[in-house]
Amino acid sequence: MTYAQIKKVLPTANDMFLYDLLNYIDSYGKDFRLDTDDRLAKFLALAKAEMMFKNGKPILTENLNYRRKQLRRFSKRFRNNPKLLDKAMSLKGNEKQKFIATEWYGTGKKARDLGNKSKLDGWKFRGRGIFQITGRYNYETIGRYIFEHTDIVWYFDDYELFKRITDSMEFNILSAFGFWSYHRMYDKSIKQCIKIINGELPKKEKKKREKYYIEIKAILKEE
């Protein structure tokens, strides 16, 4: 994959991030089955939809500062609990984001699915990286998988180490590679891949990812 191609895929990203991403694809693509144009197109379509950029820099920690309509659309828990939704909307800034994370990811079936052991885990293990890896189970499972394939070790229990690791570009890119390979997404259709990352997405968001996949496949065929 060339710089010109990745720039067409992620036109708002700065050069530092694009070159980092290209270097990781070159170094680890075969290890994590990002080894054909079709697989790269699926991976990048999902990444493009999940990522946001500010002044060219990727925002790689989940922004939970949702407006009412957005939170209702994306979270079944808040959609089905009007009082909980009202409470979230009454808060501001970091307090609001922490409340949403602990209620969305740290309670009930969602917490069990994500392997979170407490409400605070919902906040600590909120979405990060290109694929917005979420939940204690995913962090720990993908961390072990990365170690098995690269000998890179990530520590998630020590808070200072956790913060340094999750702030690094290494984590933010390789966590997505590991998630992709661990879930064998390289053998699945784009629709199946979308479901694995977030099965609760509205139909419009799913269609957007499918459109990206078609567009990126065309870009990768260019000389």
C-alpha atoms as a PDB file:
ATOM      1  CA  MET A   1       0.000   0.000   0.000  1.00  0.00           C
ATOM      2  CA  THR A   2       1.327   3.454  -0.898  1.00  0.00           C
ATOM      3  CA  TYR A   3       1.197   6.805   0.857  1.00  0.00           C
ATOM      4  CA  ALA A   4      -0.949   8.213  -1.964  1.00  0.00           C
ATOM      5  CA  GLN A   5      -3.505   5.437  -1.442  1.00  0.00           C
ATOM      6  CA  ILE A   6      -3.700   5.753   2.357  1.00  0.00           C
ATOM      7  CA  LYS A   7      -4.046   9.541   1.990  1.00  0.00           C
ATOM      8  CA  LYS A   8      -7.090   9.012  -0.249  1.00  0.00           C
ATOM      9  CA  VAL A   9      -8.574   6.631   2.321  1.00  0.00           C
ATOM     10  CA  LEU A  10      -7.965   8.961   5.298  1.00  0.00           C
ATOM     11  CA  PRO A  11      -7.675  12.438   3.764  1.00  0.00           C
ATOM     12  CA  THR A  12      -8.020  14.368   7.040  1.00  0.00           C
ATOM     13  CA  ALA A  13      -5.222  12.462   8.834  1.00  0.00           C
ATOM     14  CA  ASN A  14      -1.812  14.059   9.262  1.00  0.00           C
ATOM     15  CA  ASP A  15       1.335  12.585   7.726  1.00  0.00           C
ATOM     16  CA  MET A  16       2.740  11.350  11.048  1.00  0.00           C
ATOM     17  CA  PHE A  17      -0.238   9.084  11.659  1.00  0.00           C
ATOM     18  CA  LEU A  18      -0.410   7.905   8.029  1.00  0.00           C
ATOM     19  CA  TYR A  19       3.267   6.928   7.989  1.00  0.00           C
ATOM     20  CA  ASP A  20       2.907   5.185  11.368  1.00  0.00           C
ATOM     21  CA  LEU A  21      -0.040   3.196  10.035  1.00  0.00           C
ATOM     22  CA  LEU A  22       1.814   2.278   6.834  1.00  0.00           C
ATOM     23  CA  ASN A  23       4.885   1.191   8.821  1.00  0.00           C
ATOM     24  CA  TYR A  24       2.804  -1.058  11.092  1.00  0.00           C
ATOM     25  CA  ILE A  25       1.014  -2.575   8.083  1.00  0.00           C
ATOM     26  CA  ASP A  26       4.402  -3.251   6.430  1.00  0.00           C
ATOM     27  CA  SER A  27       5.896  -4.705   9.631  1.00  0.00           C
ATOM     28  CA  TYR A  28       2.968  -6.744  10.956  1.00  0.00           C
ATOM     29  CA  GLY A  29       0.469  -7.093   8.109  1.00  0.00           C
ATOM     30  CA  LYS A  30       1.367 -10.705   7.328  1.00  0.00           C
ATOM     31  CA  ASP A  31       1.388 -11.694  11.018  1.00  0.00           C
ATOM     32  CA  PHE A  32      -2.171 -10.407  11.471  1.00  0.00           C
ATOM     33  CA  ARG A  33      -3.574 -11.423   8.064  1.00  0.00           C
ATOM     34  CA  LEU A  34      -3.745  -7.974   6.537  1.00  0.00           C
ATOM     35  CA  ASP A  35      -2.080  -9.459   3.490  1.00  0.00           C
ATOM     36  CA  THR A  36      -4.466  -8.909   0.551  1.00  0.00           C
ATOM     37  CA  ASP A  37      -6.129  -5.835  -0.924  1.00  0.00           C
ATOM     38  CA  ASP A  38      -9.568  -7.170  -0.011  1.00  0.00           C
ATOM     39  CA  ARG A  39      -8.592  -7.698   3.628  1.00  0.00           C
ATOM     40  CA  LEU A  40      -6.974  -4.272   3.822  1.00  0.00           C
ATOM     41  CA  ALA A  41     -10.076  -2.694   2.287  1.00  0.00           C
ATOM     42  CA  LYS A  42     -12.319  -4.255   4.937  1.00  0.00           C
ATOM     43  CA  PHE A  43      -9.971  -3.303   7.765  1.00  0.00           C
ATOM     44  CA  LEU A  44      -9.586   0.284   6.573  1.00  0.00           C
ATOM     45  CA  ALA A  45     -13.320   0.696   5.933  1.00  0.00           C
ATOM     46  CA  LEU A  46     -13.985  -0.225   9.555  1.00  0.00           C
ATOM     47  CA  ALA A  47     -11.128   1.978  10.778  1.00  0.00           C
ATOM     48  CA  LYS A  48     -12.298   4.979   8.723  1.00  0.00           C
ATOM     49  CA  ALA A  49     -15.787   4.704  10.212  1.00  0.00           C
ATOM     50  CA  GLU A  50     -14.553   4.317  13.801  1.00  0.00           C
ATOM     51  CA  MET A  51     -11.926   7.067  13.770  1.00  0.00           C
ATOM     52  CA  MET A  52     -12.159  10.837  14.132  1.00  0.00           C
ATOM     53  CA  PHE A  53      -9.447  13.433  13.558  1.00  0.00           C
ATOM     54  CA  LYS A  54      -8.813  16.860  15.059  1.00  0.00           C
ATOM     55  CA  ASN A  55      -6.353  19.087  13.218  1.00  0.00           C
ATOM     56  CA  GLY A  56      -5.051  15.968  11.492  1.00  0.00           C
ATOM     57  CA  LYS A  57      -4.405  14.054  14.725  1.00  0.00           C
ATOM     58  CA  PRO A  58      -6.414  10.895  15.399  1.00  0.00           C
ATOM     59  CA  ILE A  59      -8.717  10.955  18.420  1.00  0.00           C
ATOM     60  CA  LEU A  60      -8.098   7.446  19.695  1.00  0.00           C
ATOM     61  CA  THR A  61      -9.944   7.448  23.017  1.00  0.00           C
ATOM     62  CA  GLU A  62     -13.711   7.167  22.840  1.00  0.00           C
ATOM     63  CA  ASN A  63     -15.553  10.461  23.150  1.00  0.00           C
ATOM     64  CA  LEU A  64     -18.701   9.755  25.182  1.00  0.00           C
ATOM     65  CA  ASN A  65     -19.948  13.334  25.226  1.00  0.00           C
ATOM     66  CA  TYR A  66     -23.090  12.344  23.313  1.00  0.00           C
ATOM     67  CA  ARG A  67     -26.080  14.517  22.644  1.00  0.00           C
ATOM     68  CA  ARG A  68     -29.477  13.067  23.617  1.00  0.00           C
ATOM     69  CA  LYS A  69     -30.385  11.903  20.111  1.00  0.00           C
ATOM     70  CA  GLN A  70     -26.991  10.271  19.581  1.00  0.00           C
ATOM     71  CA  LEU A  71     -27.029   8.410  22.891  1.00  0.00           C
ATOM     72  CA  ARG A  72     -30.527   7.104  22.233  1.00  0.00           C
ATOM     73  CA  ARG A  73     -29.434   5.899  18.810  1.00  0.00           C
ATOM     74  CA  PHE A  74     -26.263   4.112  19.884  1.00  0.00           C
ATOM     75  CA  SER A  75     -27.092   2.739  23.359  1.00  0.00           C
ATOM     76  CA  LYS A  76     -29.983   0.381  23.999  1.00  0.00           C
ATOM     77  CA  ARG A  77     -29.603   0.880  27.765  1.00  0.00           C
ATOM     78  CA  PHE A  78     -30.160   4.636  27.533  1.00  0.00           C
ATOM     79  CA  ARG A  79     -32.781   4.269  24.815  1.00  0.00           C
ATOM     80  CA  ASN A  80     -34.847   2.024  27.096  1.00  0.00           C
ATOM     81  CA  ASN A  81     -34.293   4.094  30.284  1.00  0.00           C
ATOM     82  CA  PRO A  82     -35.571   7.685  29.877  1.00  0.00           C
ATOM     83  CA  LYS A  83     -34.656   8.655  33.464  1.00  0.00           C
ATOM     84  CA  LEU A  84     -31.107   7.417  32.949  1.00  0.00           C
ATOM     85  CA  LEU A  85     -30.936   9.388  29.707  1.00  0.00           C
ATOM     86  CA  ASP A  86     -32.176  12.519  31.496  1.00  0.00           C
ATOM     87  CA  LYS A  87     -29.512  12.082  34.171  1.00  0.00           C
ATOM     88  CA  ALA A  88     -26.760  11.775  31.550  1.00  0.00           C
ATOM     89  CA  MET A  89     -27.956  14.917  29.787  1.00  0.00           C
ATOM     90  CA  SER A  90     -27.944  16.869  33.077  1.00  0.00           C
ATOM     91  CA  LEU A  91     -24.179  16.338  33.465  1.00  0.00           C
ATOM     92  CA  LYS A  92     -21.285  18.021  31.695  1.00  0.00           C
ATOM     93  CA  GLY A  93     -17.724  17.316  30.605  1.00  0.00           C
ATOM     94  CA  ASN A  94     -15.756  14.456  32.098  1.00  0.00           C
ATOM     95  CA  GLU A  95     -18.477  13.765  34.685  1.00  0.00           C
ATOM     96  CA  LYS A  96     -20.984  13.173  31.898  1.00  0.00           C
ATOM     97  CA  GLN A  97     -18.638  10.889  29.959  1.00  0.00           C
ATOM     98  CA  LYS A  98     -17.774   8.846  33.041  1.00  0.00           C
ATOM     99  CA  PHE A  99     -21.456   8.433  33.937  1.00  0.00           C
ATOM    100  CA  ILE A 100     -22.315   7.241  30.426  1.00  0.00           C
ATOM    101  CA  ALA A 101     -19.393   4.779  30.369  1.00  0.00           C
ATOM    102  CA  THR A 102     -20.139   3.289  33.779  1.00  0.00           C
ATOM    103  CA  GLU A 103     -23.853   2.894  33.032  1.00  0.00           C
ATOM    104  CA  TRP A 104     -23.437   1.684  29.459  1.00  0.00           C
ATOM    105  CA  TYR A 105     -20.393  -0.578  29.791  1.00  0.00           C
ATOM    106  CA  GLY A 106     -20.274  -1.230  33.532  1.00  0.00           C
ATOM    107  CA  THR A 107     -23.723  -2.657  34.329  1.00  0.00           C
ATOM    108  CA  GLY A 108     -25.995  -5.503  33.311  1.00  0.00           C
ATOM    109  CA  LYS A 109     -25.606  -7.739  30.272  1.00  0.00           C
ATOM    110  CA  LYS A 110     -23.323  -5.290  28.459  1.00  0.00           C
ATOM    111  CA  ALA A 111     -20.833  -5.393  31.335  1.00  0.00           C
ATOM    112  CA  ARG A 112     -20.934  -9.196  31.389  1.00  0.00           C
ATOM    113  CA  ASP A 113     -20.417  -9.369  27.623  1.00  0.00           C
ATOM    114  CA  LEU A 114     -17.402  -7.047  27.911  1.00  0.00           C
ATOM    115  CA  GLY A 115     -15.920  -8.867  30.906  1.00  0.00           C
ATOM    116  CA  ASN A 116     -16.106  -5.765  33.092  1.00  0.00           C
ATOM    117  CA  LYS A 117     -16.012  -6.550  36.803  1.00  0.00           C
ATOM    118  CA  SER A 118     -17.269  -3.219  38.124  1.00  0.00           C
ATOM    119  CA  LYS A 119     -18.878   0.020  37.028  1.00  0.00           C
ATOM    120  CA  LEU A 120     -15.450   1.666  37.048  1.00  0.00           C
ATOM    121  CA  ASP A 121     -14.230  -0.901  34.529  1.00  0.00           C
ATOM    122  CA  GLY A 122     -16.781   0.588  32.163  1.00  0.00           C
ATOM    123  CA  TRP A 123     -14.849   3.856  32.301  1.00  0.00           C
ATOM    124  CA  LYS A 124     -11.320   2.444  32.478  1.00  0.00           C
ATOM    125  CA  PHE A 125     -11.824   0.052  29.574  1.00  0.00           C
ATOM    126  CA  ARG A 126     -13.822   2.405  27.351  1.00  0.00           C
ATOM    127  CA  GLY A 127     -13.171   2.426  23.624  1.00  0.00           C
ATOM    128  CA  ARG A 128      -9.601   3.050  22.479  1.00  0.00           C
ATOM    129  CA  GLY A 129      -7.561   2.622  19.351  1.00  0.00           C
ATOM    130  CA  ILE A 130      -8.420   2.430  15.671  1.00  0.00           C
ATOM    131  CA  PHE A 131     -11.197  -0.093  16.365  1.00  0.00           C
ATOM    132  CA  GLN A 132     -12.232   1.448  19.692  1.00  0.00           C
ATOM    133  CA  ILE A 133     -11.517  -1.784  21.596  1.00  0.00           C
ATOM    134  CA  THR A 134     -13.902  -1.791  24.564  1.00  0.00           C
ATOM    135  CA  GLY A 135     -14.141  -3.832  27.778  1.00  0.00           C
ATOM    136  CA  ARG A 136     -11.746  -5.610  30.119  1.00  0.00           C
ATOM    137  CA  TYR A 137     -12.166  -8.936  28.297  1.00  0.00           C
ATOM    138  CA  ASN A 138     -11.177  -7.458  24.942  1.00  0.00           C
ATOM    139  CA  TYR A 139      -8.208  -5.539  26.338  1.00  0.00           C
ATOM    140  CA  GLU A 140      -6.835  -8.598  28.136  1.00  0.00           C
ATOM    141  CA  THR A 141      -7.603 -11.096  25.374  1.00  0.00           C
ATOM    142  CA  ILE A 142      -6.162  -8.950  22.609  1.00  0.00           C
ATOM    143  CA  GLY A 143      -3.194  -8.081  24.825  1.00  0.00           C
ATOM    144  CA  ARG A 144      -2.353 -11.790  25.225  1.00  0.00           C
ATOM    145  CA  TYR A 145      -2.834 -12.350  21.500  1.00  0.00           C
ATOM    146  CA  ILE A 146      -0.473  -9.492  20.642  1.00  0.00           C
ATOM    147  CA  PHE A 147       2.162 -10.957  22.984  1.00  0.00           C
ATOM    148  CA  GLU A 148       1.867 -14.385  21.331  1.00  0.00           C
ATOM    149  CA  HIS A 149       2.498 -12.865  17.901  1.00  0.00           C
ATOM    150  CA  THR A 150       4.989 -10.061  18.633  1.00  0.00           C
ATOM    151  CA  ASP A 151       6.464 -10.510  22.150  1.00  0.00           C
ATOM    152  CA  ILE A 152       5.113  -7.039  23.000  1.00  0.00           C
ATOM    153  CA  VAL A 153       3.791  -7.009  26.577  1.00  0.00           C
ATOM    154  CA  TRP A 154       0.968  -4.727  27.733  1.00  0.00           C
ATOM    155  CA  TYR A 155       0.071  -4.300  31.429  1.00  0.00           C
ATOM    156  CA  PHE A 156      -3.464  -3.275  32.271  1.00  0.00           C
ATOM    157  CA  ASP A 157      -3.592  -3.559  36.083  1.00  0.00           C
ATOM    158  CA  ASP A 158      -0.958  -0.964  37.008  1.00  0.00           C
ATOM    159  CA  TYR A 159      -2.631   2.399  36.316  1.00  0.00           C
ATOM    160  CA  GLU A 160       0.483   4.364  35.298  1.00  0.00           C
ATOM    161  CA  LEU A 161       1.607   1.632  32.914  1.00  0.00           C
ATOM    162  CA  PHE A 162      -1.961   1.305  31.632  1.00  0.00           C
ATOM    163  CA  LYS A 163      -2.085   5.005  30.787  1.00  0.00           C
ATOM    164  CA  ARG A 164       1.299   5.017  29.034  1.00  0.00           C
ATOM    165  CA  ILE A 165       0.384   1.932  27.020  1.00  0.00           C
ATOM    166  CA  THR A 166      -3.064   3.082  25.945  1.00  0.00           C
ATOM    167  CA  ASP A 167      -1.743   6.525  24.991  1.00  0.00           C
ATOM    168  CA  SER A 168       0.858   4.985  22.657  1.00  0.00           C
ATOM    169  CA  MET A 169       0.458   4.652  18.898  1.00  0.00           C
ATOM    170  CA  GLU A 170       1.701   1.074  19.235  1.00  0.00           C
ATOM    171  CA  PHE A 171      -1.378   0.138  21.283  1.00  0.00           C
ATOM    172  CA  ASN A 172      -3.792   2.180  19.220  1.00  0.00           C
ATOM    173  CA  ILE A 173      -2.781   0.501  15.958  1.00  0.00           C
ATOM    174  CA  LEU A 174      -1.799  -3.007  17.065  1.00  0.00           C
ATOM    175  CA  SER A 175      -4.911  -3.458  19.220  1.00  0.00           C
ATOM    176  CA  ALA A 176      -6.955  -3.183  16.017  1.00  0.00           C
ATOM    177  CA  PHE A 177      -4.634  -5.607  14.191  1.00  0.00           C
ATOM    178  CA  GLY A 178      -4.986  -8.075  17.049  1.00  0.00           C
ATOM    179  CA  PHE A 179      -8.762  -7.741  17.218  1.00  0.00           C
ATOM    180  CA  TRP A 180      -8.999  -8.280  13.452  1.00  0.00           C
ATOM    181  CA  SER A 181      -6.873 -11.414  13.495  1.00  0.00           C
ATOM    182  CA  TYR A 182      -8.158 -12.887  16.775  1.00  0.00           C
ATOM    183  CA  HIS A 183     -11.755 -12.771  15.507  1.00  0.00           C
ATOM    184  CA  ARG A 184     -10.701 -14.153  12.095  1.00  0.00           C
ATOM    185  CA  MET A 185     -12.272 -11.185  10.404  1.00  0.00           C
ATOM    186  CA  TYR A 186      -9.961 -11.744   7.449  1.00  0.00           C
ATOM    187  CA  ASP A 187     -12.165 -14.710   6.453  1.00  0.00           C
ATOM    188  CA  LYS A 188     -15.466 -12.870   6.885  1.00  0.00           C
ATOM    189  CA  SER A 189     -17.628 -10.591   4.758  1.00  0.00           C
ATOM    190  CA  ILE A 190     -17.771  -6.866   5.426  1.00  0.00           C
ATOM    191  CA  LYS A 191     -21.264  -7.305   6.911  1.00  0.00           C
ATOM    192  CA  GLN A 192     -19.988  -9.987   9.308  1.00  0.00           C
ATOM    193  CA  CYS A 193     -17.026  -7.775  10.272  1.00  0.00           C
ATOM    194  CA  ILE A 194     -19.341  -4.860  11.048  1.00  0.00           C
ATOM    195  CA  LYS A 195     -21.445  -7.101  13.296  1.00  0.00           C
ATOM    196  CA  ILE A 196     -18.371  -8.301  15.200  1.00  0.00           C
ATOM    197  CA  ILE A 197     -17.205  -4.764  15.995  1.00  0.00           C
ATOM    198  CA  ASN A 198     -20.614  -3.340  16.843  1.00  0.00           C
ATOM    199  CA  GLY A 199     -23.786  -5.286  16.161  1.00  0.00           C
ATOM    200  CA  GLU A 200     -25.945  -2.502  17.659  1.00  0.00           C
ATOM    201  CA  LEU A 201     -25.133   0.026  14.933  1.00  0.00           C
ATOM    202  CA  PRO A 202     -28.082   1.670  13.180  1.00  0.00           C
ATOM    203  CA  LYS A 203     -28.676   0.544   9.594  1.00  0.00           C
ATOM    204  CA  LYS A 204     -27.381   3.866   8.234  1.00  0.00           C
ATOM    205  CA  GLU A 205     -24.026   3.392   9.980  1.00  0.00           C
ATOM    206  CA  LYS A 206     -23.695  -0.164   8.683  1.00  0.00           C
ATOM    207  CA  LYS A 207     -24.375   1.016   5.129  1.00  0.00           C
ATOM    208  CA  LYS A 208     -21.713   3.709   5.525  1.00  0.00           C
ATOM    209  CA  ARG A 209     -19.083   1.080   6.338  1.00  0.00           C
ATOM    210  CA  GLU A 210     -20.145  -1.061   3.384  1.00  0.00           C
ATOM    211  CA  LYS A 211     -19.810   1.998   1.114  1.00  0.00           C
ATOM    212  CA  TYR A 212     -16.327   2.723   2.468  1.00  0.00           C
ATOM    213  CA  TYR A 213     -15.298  -0.872   1.739  1.00  0.00           C
ATOM    214  CA  ILE A 214     -16.296  -0.572  -1.943  1.00  0.00           C
ATOM    215  CA  GLU A 215     -14.566   2.803  -2.298  1.00  0.00           C
ATOM    216  CA  ILE A 216     -11.335   1.627  -0.655  1.00  0.00           C
ATOM    217  CA  LYS A 217     -11.194  -1.520  -2.790  1.00  0.00           C
ATOM    218  CA  ALA A 218     -11.224   0.761  -5.842  1.00  0.00           C
ATOM    219  CA  ILE A 219      -8.449   2.947  -4.383  1.00  0.00           C
ATOM    220  CA  LEU A 220      -6.246  -0.106  -3.730  1.00  0.00           C
ATOM    221  CA  LYS A 221      -6.572  -1.158  -7.361  1.00  0.00           C
ATOM    222  CA  GLU A 222      -5.064   2.135  -8.505  1.00  0.00           C
ATOM    223  CA  GLU A 223      -1.427   2.170  -9.533  1.00  0.00           C
END
